[in-house]
Amino acid sequence: SRTGMTFIAQKCGVCFQPPSIILIYRDHSQDKTRQRIMPVRNFSKFSDCSIAAEQLKNNPRHKAYLEGVSLHQLRKLYSLLRGHLGGESLAESLEKFRQEETIDPEEDMNKLDDKELAKRKSIMDELFEKNRKKKDDPDFIYDIEVEFPQDEQLESCGWDMESDEEI
């Protein structure tokens, strides 16, 4: 049930160096806000962002934390990372993602293959969900924030391990 959620996702972002998805969440059981760093491995500029997002969301280690983060949001983070690996600027990656994630009303859905169709359907579900949730809804999550820790901070982070330290 939604009320039984121990971890409430507050912000989700991407870090390019080292590649990782960073989640800021509220731990209800201890009433603390924490940061969880999930290293991204085996991901290249040729990787499929949808598959990567699904794998992360269903990863037994992270599942409980990512309950409040949509696949759409994770896909976006991975696509920014993929763009970065391919040498794109953040602005270019965001624009490309926006185009890919926009439904073209003129498009003939009958001509699409299953994978593309599934993608369109998930975009529509996503848009529906987004519009349904209001700002004061406790489940409402603000859109992605991309934050880059300063280099000196990076040094002190144990990036390659699971870390849930308090922030």
Protein backbone atom coordinates (compact mmCIF):
# COMPACT_ATOMS: atom_id res chain seq x y z
CA SER A 1 0.00 0.00 0.00
CA ARG A 2 1.14 3.52 -0.64
CA THR A 3 0.82 4.49 2.99
CA GLY A 4 3.31 1.84 4.01
CA MET A 5 6.14 3.45 2.10
CA THR A 6 9.18 3.89 4.30
CA PHE A 7 11.18 5.80 1.70
CA ILE A 8 9.76 8.85 0.01
CA ALA A 9 11.72 9.97 -3.04
CA GLN A 10 12.26 13.71 -3.06
CA LYS A 11 14.71 14.38 -5.84
CA CYS A 12 16.45 12.23 -8.36
CA GLY A 13 19.47 13.36 -10.32
CA VAL A 14 22.36 12.13 -12.38
CA CYS A 15 26.06 12.51 -11.76
CA PHE A 16 28.33 12.14 -14.80
CA GLN A 17 31.57 11.52 -13.00
CA PRO A 18 31.56 8.78 -11.83
CA PRO A 19 28.34 7.79 -13.62
CA SER A 20 25.64 7.36 -11.02
CA ILE A 21 22.00 8.02 -10.32
CA ILE A 22 21.53 9.94 -7.10
CA LEU A 23 18.38 9.83 -5.07
CA ILE A 24 17.50 12.19 -2.24
CA TYR A 25 14.85 10.53 -0.14
CA ARG A 26 13.11 10.77 3.19
CA ASP A 27 13.44 7.80 5.48
CA HIS A 28 10.17 7.77 7.41
CA SER A 29 11.20 5.16 9.93
CA GLN A 30 14.04 7.36 11.14
CA ASP A 31 12.64 10.69 10.05
CA LYS A 32 15.81 11.61 8.18
CA THR A 33 16.60 12.85 4.71
CA ARG A 34 19.26 10.77 3.05
CA GLN A 35 21.13 10.51 -0.19
CA ARG A 36 21.50 7.22 -2.01
CA ILE A 37 24.11 6.85 -4.70
CA MET A 38 23.50 4.11 -7.27
CA PRO A 39 26.56 3.58 -9.46
CA VAL A 40 25.77 3.08 -13.14
CA ARG A 41 27.78 0.23 -14.59
CA ASN A 42 28.00 -1.33 -18.05
CA PHE A 43 26.30 1.63 -19.64
CA SER A 44 27.57 3.24 -22.83
CA LYS A 45 26.37 5.75 -25.39
CA PHE A 46 24.87 2.78 -27.26
CA SER A 47 22.85 1.49 -24.31
CA ASP A 48 19.07 1.42 -24.28
CA CYS A 49 17.82 3.91 -21.68
CA SER A 50 14.44 2.22 -21.27
CA ILE A 51 16.03 -1.12 -20.43
CA ALA A 52 18.55 0.51 -18.09
CA ALA A 53 15.75 2.38 -16.31
CA GLU A 54 13.69 -0.79 -15.87
CA GLN A 55 16.66 -2.74 -14.59
CA LEU A 56 17.47 -0.08 -12.03
CA LYS A 57 13.86 0.27 -10.90
CA ASN A 58 13.53 -3.50 -10.46
CA ASN A 59 16.94 -3.97 -8.87
CA PRO A 60 16.23 -5.71 -5.53
CA ARG A 61 18.74 -3.47 -3.76
CA HIS A 62 17.13 -0.24 -4.93
CA LYS A 63 13.51 -1.19 -5.55
CA ALA A 64 12.11 0.07 -2.25
CA TYR A 65 13.85 3.41 -2.66
CA LEU A 66 12.75 3.95 -6.25
CA GLU A 67 9.09 3.20 -5.71
CA GLY A 68 8.23 6.87 -5.96
CA VAL A 69 10.42 7.54 -9.00
CA SER A 70 8.80 6.96 -12.37
CA LEU A 71 10.41 5.00 -15.18
CA HIS A 72 10.03 8.10 -17.29
CA GLN A 73 12.22 10.06 -14.89
CA LEU A 74 14.86 7.33 -14.75
CA ARG A 75 14.85 7.11 -18.55
CA LYS A 76 15.47 10.82 -18.68
CA LEU A 77 18.46 10.55 -16.34
CA TYR A 78 19.93 7.70 -18.36
CA SER A 79 19.40 9.58 -21.59
CA LEU A 80 21.29 12.57 -20.18
CA LEU A 81 24.09 10.25 -19.17
CA ARG A 82 24.10 8.60 -22.58
CA GLY A 83 24.21 11.99 -24.26
CA HIS A 84 27.11 12.99 -22.05
CA LEU A 85 28.99 9.80 -22.97
CA GLY A 86 28.34 10.65 -26.61
CA GLY A 87 29.78 14.13 -26.17
CA GLU A 88 26.52 16.09 -26.17
CA SER A 89 25.97 19.10 -23.97
CA LEU A 90 23.32 18.91 -21.31
CA ALA A 91 21.09 21.26 -23.30
CA GLU A 92 21.35 19.06 -26.41
CA SER A 93 20.53 15.92 -24.44
CA LEU A 94 17.53 17.55 -22.77
CA GLU A 95 16.21 18.79 -26.10
CA LYS A 96 16.65 15.40 -27.73
CA PHE A 97 14.88 13.71 -24.84
CA ARG A 98 12.03 16.21 -25.05
CA GLN A 99 11.54 15.46 -28.74
CA GLU A 100 11.66 11.72 -28.21
CA GLU A 101 9.19 11.91 -25.37
CA THR A 102 6.68 14.11 -27.14
CA ILE A 103 3.72 12.49 -28.79
CA ASP A 104 3.16 13.58 -32.34
CA PRO A 105 -0.61 13.87 -32.78
CA GLU A 106 -0.24 13.30 -36.54
CA GLU A 107 1.63 10.08 -36.11
CA ASP A 108 -0.03 6.90 -37.34
CA MET A 109 0.13 4.57 -34.36
CA ASN A 110 -0.80 1.62 -36.55
CA LYS A 111 2.51 1.82 -38.35
CA LEU A 112 4.63 1.55 -35.22
CA ASP A 113 6.27 -1.64 -34.07
CA ASP A 114 5.46 -3.04 -30.62
CA LYS A 115 8.42 -1.48 -28.90
CA GLU A 116 7.68 2.02 -30.20
CA LEU A 117 4.00 1.57 -29.44
CA ALA A 118 4.75 0.52 -25.88
CA LYS A 119 6.94 3.58 -25.51
CA ARG A 120 4.18 5.92 -26.75
CA LYS A 121 1.72 4.26 -24.41
CA SER A 122 4.01 4.75 -21.43
CA ILE A 123 4.50 8.41 -22.37
CA MET A 124 0.74 8.87 -22.46
CA ASP A 125 0.27 7.12 -19.12
CA GLU A 126 3.02 9.29 -17.74
CA LEU A 127 1.44 12.50 -19.00
CA PHE A 128 -1.88 11.42 -17.58
CA GLU A 129 -0.33 10.67 -14.19
CA LYS A 130 1.54 13.96 -14.22
CA ASN A 131 -1.61 15.93 -14.89
CA ARG A 132 -3.56 14.00 -12.30
CA LYS A 133 -1.14 14.73 -9.49
CA LYS A 134 -1.31 18.13 -7.95
CA LYS A 135 1.53 19.92 -6.24
CA ASP A 136 0.13 19.26 -2.77
CA ASP A 137 -0.28 15.55 -3.41
CA PRO A 138 2.25 13.83 -1.12
CA ASP A 139 3.25 11.60 -4.03
CA PHE A 140 4.02 14.51 -6.29
CA ILE A 141 7.66 14.52 -7.25
CA TYR A 142 9.31 17.53 -8.76
CA ASP A 143 11.00 17.02 -12.03
CA ILE A 144 14.62 16.02 -12.36
CA GLU A 145 17.33 18.13 -10.92
CA VAL A 146 20.76 17.72 -12.37
CA GLU A 147 23.36 18.59 -9.85
CA PHE A 148 27.08 18.14 -10.10
CA PRO A 149 28.98 17.87 -6.87
CA GLN A 150 32.18 19.88 -6.84
CA ASP A 151 35.35 17.88 -7.38
CA GLU A 152 36.60 18.23 -3.85
CA GLN A 153 33.39 16.73 -2.54
CA LEU A 154 33.74 13.81 -4.90
CA GLU A 155 37.07 12.89 -3.40
CA SER A 156 35.52 12.33 -0.01
CA CYS A 157 32.69 10.17 -1.30
CA GLY A 158 32.97 6.41 -1.33
CA TRP A 159 31.36 6.34 -4.72
CA ASP A 160 31.69 2.73 -5.56
CA MET A 161 29.80 1.41 -2.64
CA GLU A 162 26.24 1.68 -1.55
CA SER A 163 25.97 4.72 0.61
CA ASP A 164 23.01 6.06 2.47
CA GLU A 165 24.54 8.70 4.59
CA GLU A 166 22.56 11.48 6.14
CA ILE A 167 22.61 14.84 4.43
